[in-house]
Amino acid sequence: MKKILYGILKKMKFLPTEFYLKIYFEYYTGKKLNLENPVEFNEKIQWLKAFYRPEILSQLVDKYAVREFVEERVGSKYLNTLYEVYYRVPDVDFDKLPEKFVIKGAHGYNFNLLVPDKSEMNRLRARYLMRKWMSKNQYYRGGLEWAYKNVRPKIIAEEFLVEEGKPSISDFKYFFFNDEPKFIQVDLDRSEHHVRSYVDMNWEPLEFETIGIRKHKGPIEIPKNHEEMTEVATKLAQGFPFVRVDLYNLQGRIIFGELTFYPTDGRMEFYPDRFNEIIGNYLELPEIPPGQKYIS
């Protein structure tokens, strides 16, 4: 009965933030959320949702607006090629785009349409998907991820990325805690048989894994320019209590993916369970200034 009740309550986004996050967190993880003294990694991510609200976060989760930030910190050469940005679905002109491209909703996540061959594209379906994206606000769509609340809906068209010899590109996600990189999440074969591995900053395998995603077996191929990747990620990560910096490395070309402040909406559990607290200990939460309800 409790699960059913929480399932109903989690749809009520108008509830007070702290109360709502406790319902949301327990519904998905089965754990009580202690916002007064958070310990585990996901607990602290929920705390950041509630109490960490610098305005710059809204720029950084916007897949279009973040490009300016990346260019300022590391240079435009690390950005994927942008074809166009659209604020209305009718403005998307497929005829002006190349034969292969990617369409993304810049105001949320999992708003992606890969087009490897425009001639085989279902344009009606594509416009239907984009209209759905444009009607969504990620803050209300998920678990009140504050950074997305005021992001203007928009669509971007970018270069279709290809990794030689592989049907899907590998993804390198650097976890930074108070400006320091602690480990890297490596996602492989996402379009076929998605597997994942975690490595330390020396690219040695770590023993924990993510619940629900198969662990990669065997060694991880280390990019030859991995030191440059770490340098780029570090420059982008400075100034935040926690951020995940996602990069691609295609034939030696390092390409920025995104900045993530709430991985999997603060519901990504690690296994064995003890690592949820171990990883949580990496993150030292900032203090809310006296007289304020949150950090701005």
C-alpha atoms as a PDB file:
ATOM      1  CA  MET A   1       0.000   0.000   0.000  1.00  0.00           C
ATOM      2  CA  LYS A   2       2.823   2.390   0.823  1.00  0.00           C
ATOM      3  CA  LYS A   3       4.363   1.879  -2.620  1.00  0.00           C
ATOM      4  CA  ILE A   4       1.027   2.634  -4.258  1.00  0.00           C
ATOM      5  CA  LEU A   5       0.549   5.765  -2.151  1.00  0.00           C
ATOM      6  CA  TYR A   6       4.038   7.020  -2.949  1.00  0.00           C
ATOM      7  CA  GLY A   7       3.431   6.277  -6.618  1.00  0.00           C
ATOM      8  CA  ILE A   8       0.473   8.638  -6.501  1.00  0.00           C
ATOM      9  CA  LEU A   9       2.254  11.315  -4.461  1.00  0.00           C
ATOM     10  CA  LYS A  10       5.299  11.404  -6.753  1.00  0.00           C
ATOM     11  CA  LYS A  11       3.055  12.742  -9.516  1.00  0.00           C
ATOM     12  CA  MET A  12       2.160  15.756  -7.370  1.00  0.00           C
ATOM     13  CA  LYS A  13       4.996  18.107  -8.280  1.00  0.00           C
ATOM     14  CA  PHE A  14       3.327  20.981  -6.393  1.00  0.00           C
ATOM     15  CA  LEU A  15       4.137  19.428  -3.015  1.00  0.00           C
ATOM     16  CA  PRO A  16       6.797  21.174  -0.870  1.00  0.00           C
ATOM     17  CA  THR A  17      10.218  20.346  -2.321  1.00  0.00           C
ATOM     18  CA  GLU A  18      11.741  18.651   0.726  1.00  0.00           C
ATOM     19  CA  PHE A  19       8.651  16.527   1.345  1.00  0.00           C
ATOM     20  CA  TYR A  20       8.375  15.611  -2.326  1.00  0.00           C
ATOM     21  CA  LEU A  21      12.035  14.564  -2.603  1.00  0.00           C
ATOM     22  CA  LYS A  22      11.671  12.254   0.398  1.00  0.00           C
ATOM     23  CA  ILE A  23       8.682  10.544  -1.236  1.00  0.00           C
ATOM     24  CA  TYR A  24      10.404  10.371  -4.624  1.00  0.00           C
ATOM     25  CA  PHE A  25      13.660   8.992  -3.236  1.00  0.00           C
ATOM     26  CA  GLU A  26      12.064   6.284  -1.127  1.00  0.00           C
ATOM     27  CA  TYR A  27       9.755   5.246  -3.962  1.00  0.00           C
ATOM     28  CA  TYR A  28      12.686   4.507  -6.273  1.00  0.00           C
ATOM     29  CA  THR A  29      15.399   3.342  -3.872  1.00  0.00           C
ATOM     30  CA  GLY A  30      13.476   1.922  -0.932  1.00  0.00           C
ATOM     31  CA  LYS A  31      15.619   4.065   1.375  1.00  0.00           C
ATOM     32  CA  LYS A  32      14.682   6.906   3.688  1.00  0.00           C
ATOM     33  CA  LEU A  33      16.037  10.287   2.614  1.00  0.00           C
ATOM     34  CA  ASN A  34      17.733  12.280   5.364  1.00  0.00           C
ATOM     35  CA  LEU A  35      18.120  15.833   4.075  1.00  0.00           C
ATOM     36  CA  GLU A  36      19.277  17.071   7.480  1.00  0.00           C
ATOM     37  CA  ASN A  37      22.299  14.760   7.491  1.00  0.00           C
ATOM     38  CA  PRO A  38      22.699  13.107   4.072  1.00  0.00           C
ATOM     39  CA  VAL A  39      25.352  10.392   3.895  1.00  0.00           C
ATOM     40  CA  GLU A  40      25.025   8.370   0.698  1.00  0.00           C
ATOM     41  CA  PHE A  41      25.835   9.765  -2.731  1.00  0.00           C
ATOM     42  CA  ASN A  42      22.230   9.834  -3.925  1.00  0.00           C
ATOM     43  CA  GLU A  43      21.080  11.454  -0.699  1.00  0.00           C
ATOM     44  CA  LYS A  44      23.536  14.269  -1.287  1.00  0.00           C
ATOM     45  CA  ILE A  45      22.373  14.647  -4.892  1.00  0.00           C
ATOM     46  CA  GLN A  46      18.826  15.093  -3.564  1.00  0.00           C
ATOM     47  CA  TRP A  47      20.170  17.718  -1.128  1.00  0.00           C
ATOM     48  CA  LEU A  48      21.751  19.587  -4.045  1.00  0.00           C
ATOM     49  CA  LYS A  49      18.413  19.545  -5.869  1.00  0.00           C
ATOM     50  CA  ALA A  50      16.753  21.189  -2.886  1.00  0.00           C
ATOM     51  CA  PHE A  51      19.373  23.629  -1.638  1.00  0.00           C
ATOM     52  CA  TYR A  52      21.998  24.356  -4.330  1.00  0.00           C
ATOM     53  CA  ARG A  53      20.648  26.879  -6.845  1.00  0.00           C
ATOM     54  CA  PRO A  54      23.305  29.071  -8.489  1.00  0.00           C
ATOM     55  CA  GLU A  55      21.789  30.589 -11.629  1.00  0.00           C
ATOM     56  CA  ILE A  56      24.658  29.354 -13.796  1.00  0.00           C
ATOM     57  CA  LEU A  57      23.365  25.782 -13.468  1.00  0.00           C
ATOM     58  CA  SER A  58      20.471  26.626 -15.791  1.00  0.00           C
ATOM     59  CA  GLN A  59      22.981  27.579 -18.486  1.00  0.00           C
ATOM     60  CA  LEU A  60      25.133  24.530 -17.930  1.00  0.00           C
ATOM     61  CA  VAL A  61      22.368  21.927 -18.270  1.00  0.00           C
ATOM     62  CA  ASP A  62      21.125  23.630 -21.454  1.00  0.00           C
ATOM     63  CA  LYS A  63      22.829  21.731 -24.277  1.00  0.00           C
ATOM     64  CA  TYR A  64      22.899  24.876 -26.403  1.00  0.00           C
ATOM     65  CA  ALA A  65      23.740  27.542 -23.826  1.00  0.00           C
ATOM     66  CA  VAL A  66      26.526  25.429 -22.288  1.00  0.00           C
ATOM     67  CA  ARG A  67      28.536  25.769 -25.501  1.00  0.00           C
ATOM     68  CA  GLU A  68      29.540  29.315 -24.554  1.00  0.00           C
ATOM     69  CA  PHE A  69      30.796  28.088 -21.164  1.00  0.00           C
ATOM     70  CA  VAL A  70      32.824  25.287 -22.790  1.00  0.00           C
ATOM     71  CA  GLU A  71      34.321  27.673 -25.335  1.00  0.00           C
ATOM     72  CA  GLU A  72      35.387  30.076 -22.589  1.00  0.00           C
ATOM     73  CA  ARG A  73      36.987  27.403 -20.397  1.00  0.00           C
ATOM     74  CA  VAL A  74      38.627  25.023 -22.864  1.00  0.00           C
ATOM     75  CA  GLY A  75      38.058  26.346 -26.383  1.00  0.00           C
ATOM     76  CA  SER A  76      35.625  25.688 -29.219  1.00  0.00           C
ATOM     77  CA  LYS A  77      37.678  22.816 -30.663  1.00  0.00           C
ATOM     78  CA  TYR A  78      36.123  20.492 -28.078  1.00  0.00           C
ATOM     79  CA  LEU A  79      32.573  21.269 -29.176  1.00  0.00           C
ATOM     80  CA  ASN A  80      30.601  19.117 -31.566  1.00  0.00           C
ATOM     81  CA  THR A  81      29.632  20.852 -34.811  1.00  0.00           C
ATOM     82  CA  LEU A  82      26.341  22.709 -34.406  1.00  0.00           C
ATOM     83  CA  TYR A  83      24.152  22.942 -37.503  1.00  0.00           C
ATOM     84  CA  GLU A  84      21.195  24.885 -36.130  1.00  0.00           C
ATOM     85  CA  VAL A  85      19.134  25.776 -33.070  1.00  0.00           C
ATOM     86  CA  TYR A  86      15.338  25.925 -33.243  1.00  0.00           C
ATOM     87  CA  TYR A  87      12.754  27.351 -30.868  1.00  0.00           C
ATOM     88  CA  ARG A  88       9.730  26.028 -32.773  1.00  0.00           C
ATOM     89  CA  VAL A  89       9.235  22.614 -34.371  1.00  0.00           C
ATOM     90  CA  PRO A  90       7.907  24.085 -37.667  1.00  0.00           C
ATOM     91  CA  ASP A  91      11.242  25.885 -38.085  1.00  0.00           C
ATOM     92  CA  VAL A  92      13.155  22.591 -38.372  1.00  0.00           C
ATOM     93  CA  ASP A  93      14.025  22.270 -42.061  1.00  0.00           C
ATOM     94  CA  PHE A  94      15.352  18.776 -42.690  1.00  0.00           C
ATOM     95  CA  ASP A  95      16.238  19.647 -46.286  1.00  0.00           C
ATOM     96  CA  LYS A  96      18.903  22.073 -45.056  1.00  0.00           C
ATOM     97  CA  LEU A  97      20.559  19.466 -42.830  1.00  0.00           C
ATOM     98  CA  PRO A  98      23.237  17.022 -44.060  1.00  0.00           C
ATOM     99  CA  GLU A  99      22.557  13.393 -44.897  1.00  0.00           C
ATOM    100  CA  LYS A 100      23.239  12.324 -41.317  1.00  0.00           C
ATOM    101  CA  PHE A 101      22.824  14.323 -38.125  1.00  0.00           C
ATOM    102  CA  VAL A 102      21.541  14.247 -34.552  1.00  0.00           C
ATOM    103  CA  ILE A 103      18.518  16.128 -33.235  1.00  0.00           C
ATOM    104  CA  LYS A 104      18.367  16.881 -29.496  1.00  0.00           C
ATOM    105  CA  GLY A 105      16.066  18.612 -27.079  1.00  0.00           C
ATOM    106  CA  ALA A 106      18.502  20.968 -25.375  1.00  0.00           C
ATOM    107  CA  HIS A 107      16.347  21.463 -22.275  1.00  0.00           C
ATOM    108  CA  GLY A 108      16.346  17.919 -20.884  1.00  0.00           C
ATOM    109  CA  TYR A 109      17.875  14.487 -21.261  1.00  0.00           C
ATOM    110  CA  ASN A 110      16.953  11.437 -23.319  1.00  0.00           C
ATOM    111  CA  PHE A 111      15.571  13.834 -25.948  1.00  0.00           C
ATOM    112  CA  ASN A 112      17.680  12.420 -28.778  1.00  0.00           C
ATOM    113  CA  LEU A 113      17.017  11.376 -32.362  1.00  0.00           C
ATOM    114  CA  LEU A 114      19.899   9.801 -34.288  1.00  0.00           C
ATOM    115  CA  VAL A 115      19.607  10.124 -38.055  1.00  0.00           C
ATOM    116  CA  PRO A 116      22.335   8.058 -39.771  1.00  0.00           C
ATOM    117  CA  ASP A 117      20.559   8.299 -43.139  1.00  0.00           C
ATOM    118  CA  LYS A 118      18.155  11.153 -43.848  1.00  0.00           C
ATOM    119  CA  SER A 119      16.636   9.331 -46.826  1.00  0.00           C
ATOM    120  CA  GLU A 120      15.265   6.656 -44.484  1.00  0.00           C
ATOM    121  CA  MET A 121      14.028   9.081 -41.861  1.00  0.00           C
ATOM    122  CA  ASN A 122      10.351   9.173 -40.886  1.00  0.00           C
ATOM    123  CA  ARG A 123       9.801  12.923 -40.826  1.00  0.00           C
ATOM    124  CA  LEU A 124       6.311  12.748 -39.359  1.00  0.00           C
ATOM    125  CA  ARG A 125       7.552  10.666 -36.452  1.00  0.00           C
ATOM    126  CA  ALA A 126      10.504  13.021 -35.952  1.00  0.00           C
ATOM    127  CA  ARG A 127       8.220  16.052 -35.725  1.00  0.00           C
ATOM    128  CA  TYR A 128       5.924  14.170 -33.355  1.00  0.00           C
ATOM    129  CA  LEU A 129       8.874  13.430 -31.061  1.00  0.00           C
ATOM    130  CA  MET A 130      10.090  17.017 -31.161  1.00  0.00           C
ATOM    131  CA  ARG A 131       6.634  18.355 -30.288  1.00  0.00           C
ATOM    132  CA  LYS A 132       6.610  16.017 -27.273  1.00  0.00           C
ATOM    133  CA  TRP A 133      10.040  17.260 -26.207  1.00  0.00           C
ATOM    134  CA  MET A 134       9.047  20.900 -26.549  1.00  0.00           C
ATOM    135  CA  SER A 135       6.044  20.335 -24.286  1.00  0.00           C
ATOM    136  CA  LYS A 136       8.207  18.968 -21.461  1.00  0.00           C
ATOM    137  CA  ASN A 137       9.992  20.681 -18.608  1.00  0.00           C
ATOM    138  CA  GLN A 138      12.669  18.425 -17.138  1.00  0.00           C
ATOM    139  CA  TYR A 139      12.146  19.835 -13.645  1.00  0.00           C
ATOM    140  CA  TYR A 140       8.548  18.628 -13.576  1.00  0.00           C
ATOM    141  CA  ARG A 141       9.189  15.602 -15.782  1.00  0.00           C
ATOM    142  CA  GLY A 142      11.569  14.062 -13.264  1.00  0.00           C
ATOM    143  CA  GLY A 143      12.331  14.565  -9.602  1.00  0.00           C
ATOM    144  CA  LEU A 144      12.523  18.372  -9.327  1.00  0.00           C
ATOM    145  CA  GLU A 145      16.037  18.759 -10.743  1.00  0.00           C
ATOM    146  CA  TRP A 146      16.287  22.478 -10.024  1.00  0.00           C
ATOM    147  CA  ALA A 147      18.799  23.393 -12.734  1.00  0.00           C
ATOM    148  CA  TYR A 148      16.282  22.550 -15.472  1.00  0.00           C
ATOM    149  CA  LYS A 149      13.362  24.547 -14.058  1.00  0.00           C
ATOM    150  CA  ASN A 150      13.933  27.744 -16.037  1.00  0.00           C
ATOM    151  CA  VAL A 151      15.564  26.382 -19.189  1.00  0.00           C
ATOM    152  CA  ARG A 152      13.780  27.545 -22.331  1.00  0.00           C
ATOM    153  CA  PRO A 153      12.742  24.612 -24.546  1.00  0.00           C
ATOM    154  CA  LYS A 154      14.738  24.389 -27.747  1.00  0.00           C
ATOM    155  CA  ILE A 155      16.020  21.890 -30.292  1.00  0.00           C
ATOM    156  CA  ILE A 156      19.517  21.633 -31.713  1.00  0.00           C
ATOM    157  CA  ALA A 157      20.875  19.796 -34.736  1.00  0.00           C
ATOM    158  CA  GLU A 158      24.464  18.565 -34.497  1.00  0.00           C
ATOM    159  CA  GLU A 159      27.002  16.446 -36.325  1.00  0.00           C
ATOM    160  CA  PHE A 160      26.402  12.692 -36.242  1.00  0.00           C
ATOM    161  CA  LEU A 161      29.412  11.274 -34.401  1.00  0.00           C
ATOM    162  CA  VAL A 162      31.032   7.997 -35.430  1.00  0.00           C
ATOM    163  CA  GLU A 163      33.723   5.910 -33.750  1.00  0.00           C
ATOM    164  CA  GLU A 164      35.719   3.882 -36.248  1.00  0.00           C
ATOM    165  CA  GLY A 165      35.092   0.147 -36.052  1.00  0.00           C
ATOM    166  CA  LYS A 166      32.217   0.471 -33.591  1.00  0.00           C
ATOM    167  CA  PRO A 167      28.439   0.700 -34.134  1.00  0.00           C
ATOM    168  CA  SER A 168      28.089   3.152 -31.223  1.00  0.00           C
ATOM    169  CA  ILE A 169      30.429   5.648 -29.615  1.00  0.00           C
ATOM    170  CA  SER A 170      32.017   5.116 -26.213  1.00  0.00           C
ATOM    171  CA  ASP A 171      31.187   7.562 -23.444  1.00  0.00           C
ATOM    172  CA  PHE A 172      33.610   8.702 -20.728  1.00  0.00           C
ATOM    173  CA  LYS A 173      31.994  10.300 -17.684  1.00  0.00           C
ATOM    174  CA  TYR A 174      34.299  11.946 -15.137  1.00  0.00           C
ATOM    175  CA  PHE A 175      32.928  12.227 -11.586  1.00  0.00           C
ATOM    176  CA  PHE A 176      34.207  15.370  -9.832  1.00  0.00           C
ATOM    177  CA  PHE A 177      33.759  16.027  -6.136  1.00  0.00           C
ATOM    178  CA  ASN A 178      34.681  19.519  -4.903  1.00  0.00           C
ATOM    179  CA  ASP A 179      36.898  20.108  -7.963  1.00  0.00           C
ATOM    180  CA  GLU A 180      38.682  16.744  -7.722  1.00  0.00           C
ATOM    181  CA  PRO A 181      38.185  13.825 -10.158  1.00  0.00           C
ATOM    182  CA  LYS A 182      37.670  10.547  -8.317  1.00  0.00           C
ATOM    183  CA  PHE A 183      36.692   8.039 -10.990  1.00  0.00           C
ATOM    184  CA  ILE A 184      35.459   7.599 -14.551  1.00  0.00           C
ATOM    185  CA  GLN A 185      32.340   5.812 -15.745  1.00  0.00           C
ATOM    186  CA  VAL A 186      32.901   4.190 -19.139  1.00  0.00           C
ATOM    187  CA  ASP A 187      29.848   3.205 -21.191  1.00  0.00           C
ATOM    188  CA  LEU A 188      30.335   0.888 -24.158  1.00  0.00           C
ATOM    189  CA  ASP A 189      28.125  -0.626 -26.877  1.00  0.00           C
ATOM    190  CA  ARG A 190      25.133   1.504 -25.905  1.00  0.00           C
ATOM    191  CA  SER A 191      23.101   0.712 -29.005  1.00  0.00           C
ATOM    192  CA  GLU A 192      23.709  -3.069 -28.868  1.00  0.00           C
ATOM    193  CA  HIS A 193      24.587  -4.667 -25.532  1.00  0.00           C
ATOM    194  CA  HIS A 194      25.151  -1.769 -23.161  1.00  0.00           C
ATOM    195  CA  VAL A 195      27.895  -2.480 -20.637  1.00  0.00           C
ATOM    196  CA  ARG A 196      29.568  -0.219 -18.102  1.00  0.00           C
ATOM    197  CA  SER A 197      32.770  -0.116 -16.122  1.00  0.00           C
ATOM    198  CA  TYR A 198      34.219   2.191 -13.490  1.00  0.00           C
ATOM    199  CA  VAL A 199      37.930   2.987 -13.388  1.00  0.00           C
ATOM    200  CA  ASP A 200      40.054   5.146 -11.134  1.00  0.00           C
ATOM    201  CA  MET A 201      42.128   8.047 -12.422  1.00  0.00           C
ATOM    202  CA  ASN A 202      44.913   5.605 -13.328  1.00  0.00           C
ATOM    203  CA  TRP A 203      42.400   3.617 -15.402  1.00  0.00           C
ATOM    204  CA  GLU A 204      42.487   0.698 -12.997  1.00  0.00           C
ATOM    205  CA  PRO A 205      39.127  -1.134 -12.690  1.00  0.00           C
ATOM    206  CA  LEU A 206      37.052  -0.416  -9.595  1.00  0.00           C
ATOM    207  CA  GLU A 207      35.030  -3.129  -7.894  1.00  0.00           C
ATOM    208  CA  PHE A 208      31.651  -1.423  -7.753  1.00  0.00           C
ATOM    209  CA  GLU A 209      29.023  -1.330 -10.484  1.00  0.00           C
ATOM    210  CA  THR A 210      25.646   0.243 -11.244  1.00  0.00           C
ATOM    211  CA  ILE A 211      22.511  -1.696 -10.430  1.00  0.00           C
ATOM    212  CA  GLY A 212      20.623  -2.548 -13.610  1.00  0.00           C
ATOM    213  CA  ILE A 213      23.494  -2.267 -16.115  1.00  0.00           C
ATOM    214  CA  ARG A 214      25.818  -5.148 -16.928  1.00  0.00           C
ATOM    215  CA  LYS A 215      29.421  -4.731 -15.886  1.00  0.00           C
ATOM    216  CA  HIS A 216      32.005  -4.735 -18.650  1.00  0.00           C
ATOM    217  CA  LYS A 217      34.325  -7.719 -18.455  1.00  0.00           C
ATOM    218  CA  GLY A 218      37.942  -7.315 -19.373  1.00  0.00           C
ATOM    219  CA  PRO A 219      40.281  -4.329 -19.613  1.00  0.00           C
ATOM    220  CA  ILE A 220      39.201  -0.899 -20.827  1.00  0.00           C
ATOM    221  CA  GLU A 221      41.104   0.453 -23.809  1.00  0.00           C
ATOM    222  CA  ILE A 222      42.775   3.637 -22.591  1.00  0.00           C
ATOM    223  CA  PRO A 223      42.628   6.541 -25.066  1.00  0.00           C
ATOM    224  CA  LYS A 224      46.113   7.662 -26.071  1.00  0.00           C
ATOM    225  CA  ASN A 225      45.251  11.250 -25.188  1.00  0.00           C
ATOM    226  CA  HIS A 226      43.589  10.407 -21.878  1.00  0.00           C
ATOM    227  CA  GLU A 227      45.730  12.976 -20.054  1.00  0.00           C
ATOM    228  CA  GLU A 228      44.303  15.707 -22.272  1.00  0.00           C
ATOM    229  CA  MET A 229      40.810  14.363 -21.586  1.00  0.00           C
ATOM    230  CA  THR A 230      41.380  14.669 -17.850  1.00  0.00           C
ATOM    231  CA  GLU A 231      42.749  18.181 -18.277  1.00  0.00           C
ATOM    232  CA  VAL A 232      39.703  19.261 -20.285  1.00  0.00           C
ATOM    233  CA  ALA A 233      37.303  17.674 -17.789  1.00  0.00           C
ATOM    234  CA  THR A 234      39.097  19.295 -14.855  1.00  0.00           C
ATOM    235  CA  LYS A 235      38.879  22.785 -16.336  1.00  0.00           C
ATOM    236  CA  LEU A 236      35.169  22.351 -16.941  1.00  0.00           C
ATOM    237  CA  ALA A 237      34.461  20.962 -13.462  1.00  0.00           C
ATOM    238  CA  GLN A 238      35.951  23.710 -11.309  1.00  0.00           C
ATOM    239  CA  GLY A 239      33.686  25.567  -8.911  1.00  0.00           C
ATOM    240  CA  PHE A 240      30.962  23.026  -8.125  1.00  0.00           C
ATOM    241  CA  PRO A 241      30.483  20.661  -5.174  1.00  0.00           C
ATOM    242  CA  PHE A 242      29.648  17.897  -7.633  1.00  0.00           C
ATOM    243  CA  VAL A 243      29.523  17.611 -11.407  1.00  0.00           C
ATOM    244  CA  ARG A 244      29.907  14.827 -13.924  1.00  0.00           C
ATOM    245  CA  VAL A 245      31.724  15.814 -17.111  1.00  0.00           C
ATOM    246  CA  ASP A 246      30.866  13.664 -20.128  1.00  0.00           C
ATOM    247  CA  LEU A 247      33.326  13.416 -23.007  1.00  0.00           C
ATOM    248  CA  TYR A 248      33.737  11.424 -26.204  1.00  0.00           C
ATOM    249  CA  ASN A 249      37.051  10.460 -27.767  1.00  0.00           C
ATOM    250  CA  LEU A 250      36.765   9.642 -31.459  1.00  0.00           C
ATOM    251  CA  GLN A 251      39.958   8.842 -33.336  1.00  0.00           C
ATOM    252  CA  GLY A 252      41.819  11.155 -30.942  1.00  0.00           C
ATOM    253  CA  ARG A 253      39.258  13.949 -31.232  1.00  0.00           C
ATOM    254  CA  ILE A 254      37.959  14.889 -27.788  1.00  0.00           C
ATOM    255  CA  ILE A 255      34.367  16.131 -27.889  1.00  0.00           C
ATOM    256  CA  PHE A 256      32.323  17.589 -25.052  1.00  0.00           C
ATOM    257  CA  GLY A 257      29.086  15.759 -24.275  1.00  0.00           C
ATOM    258  CA  GLU A 258      27.380  17.449 -21.341  1.00  0.00           C
ATOM    259  CA  LEU A 259      27.617  18.525 -17.707  1.00  0.00           C
ATOM    260  CA  THR A 260      25.448  16.547 -15.308  1.00  0.00           C
ATOM    261  CA  PHE A 261      24.656  17.652 -11.775  1.00  0.00           C
ATOM    262  CA  TYR A 262      22.086  14.969 -10.907  1.00  0.00           C
ATOM    263  CA  PRO A 263      23.154  11.612 -12.409  1.00  0.00           C
ATOM    264  CA  THR A 264      20.073   9.487 -13.077  1.00  0.00           C
ATOM    265  CA  ASP A 265      18.022  12.023 -11.103  1.00  0.00           C
ATOM    266  CA  GLY A 266      19.786  10.983  -7.896  1.00  0.00           C
ATOM    267  CA  ARG A 267      18.464   7.415  -8.123  1.00  0.00           C
ATOM    268  CA  MET A 268      21.540   5.577  -9.437  1.00  0.00           C
ATOM    269  CA  GLU A 269      22.401   2.997  -6.806  1.00  0.00           C
ATOM    270  CA  PHE A 270      25.826   1.404  -6.653  1.00  0.00           C
ATOM    271  CA  TYR A 271      26.524  -2.229  -5.833  1.00  0.00           C
ATOM    272  CA  PRO A 272      27.816  -3.513  -3.442  1.00  0.00           C
ATOM    273  CA  ASP A 273      25.656  -1.213  -1.334  1.00  0.00           C
ATOM    274  CA  ARG A 274      28.513   0.018   0.870  1.00  0.00           C
ATOM    275  CA  PHE A 275      29.845   2.070  -2.047  1.00  0.00           C
ATOM    276  CA  ASN A 276      26.830   4.364  -1.914  1.00  0.00           C
ATOM    277  CA  GLU A 277      28.225   5.708   1.353  1.00  0.00           C
ATOM    278  CA  ILE A 278      31.877   5.482   0.286  1.00  0.00           C
ATOM    279  CA  ILE A 279      31.189   7.585  -2.802  1.00  0.00           C
ATOM    280  CA  GLY A 280      28.945   9.874  -0.776  1.00  0.00           C
ATOM    281  CA  ASN A 281      31.901  10.606   1.489  1.00  0.00           C
ATOM    282  CA  TYR A 282      33.745  12.117  -1.489  1.00  0.00           C
ATOM    283  CA  LEU A 283      31.188  14.919  -1.625  1.00  0.00           C
ATOM    284  CA  GLU A 284      31.444  17.707   0.927  1.00  0.00           C
ATOM    285  CA  LEU A 285      28.235  19.706   0.706  1.00  0.00           C
ATOM    286  CA  PRO A 286      28.456  23.509   0.887  1.00  0.00           C
ATOM    287  CA  GLU A 287      26.874  25.404   3.755  1.00  0.00           C
ATOM    288  CA  ILE A 288      23.706  27.416   3.283  1.00  0.00           C
ATOM    289  CA  PRO A 289      24.448  31.065   4.192  1.00  0.00           C
ATOM    290  CA  PRO A 290      22.810  32.283   7.429  1.00  0.00           C
ATOM    291  CA  GLY A 291      19.357  33.664   6.842  1.00  0.00           C
ATOM    292  CA  GLN A 292      18.940  31.976   3.462  1.00  0.00           C
ATOM    293  CA  LYS A 293      16.872  28.929   2.535  1.00  0.00           C
ATOM    294  CA  TYR A 294      19.269  27.777  -0.170  1.00  0.00           C
ATOM    295  CA  ILE A 295      22.560  28.560  -1.917  1.00  0.00           C
ATOM    296  CA  SER A 296      22.146  31.000  -4.783  1.00  0.00           C
END
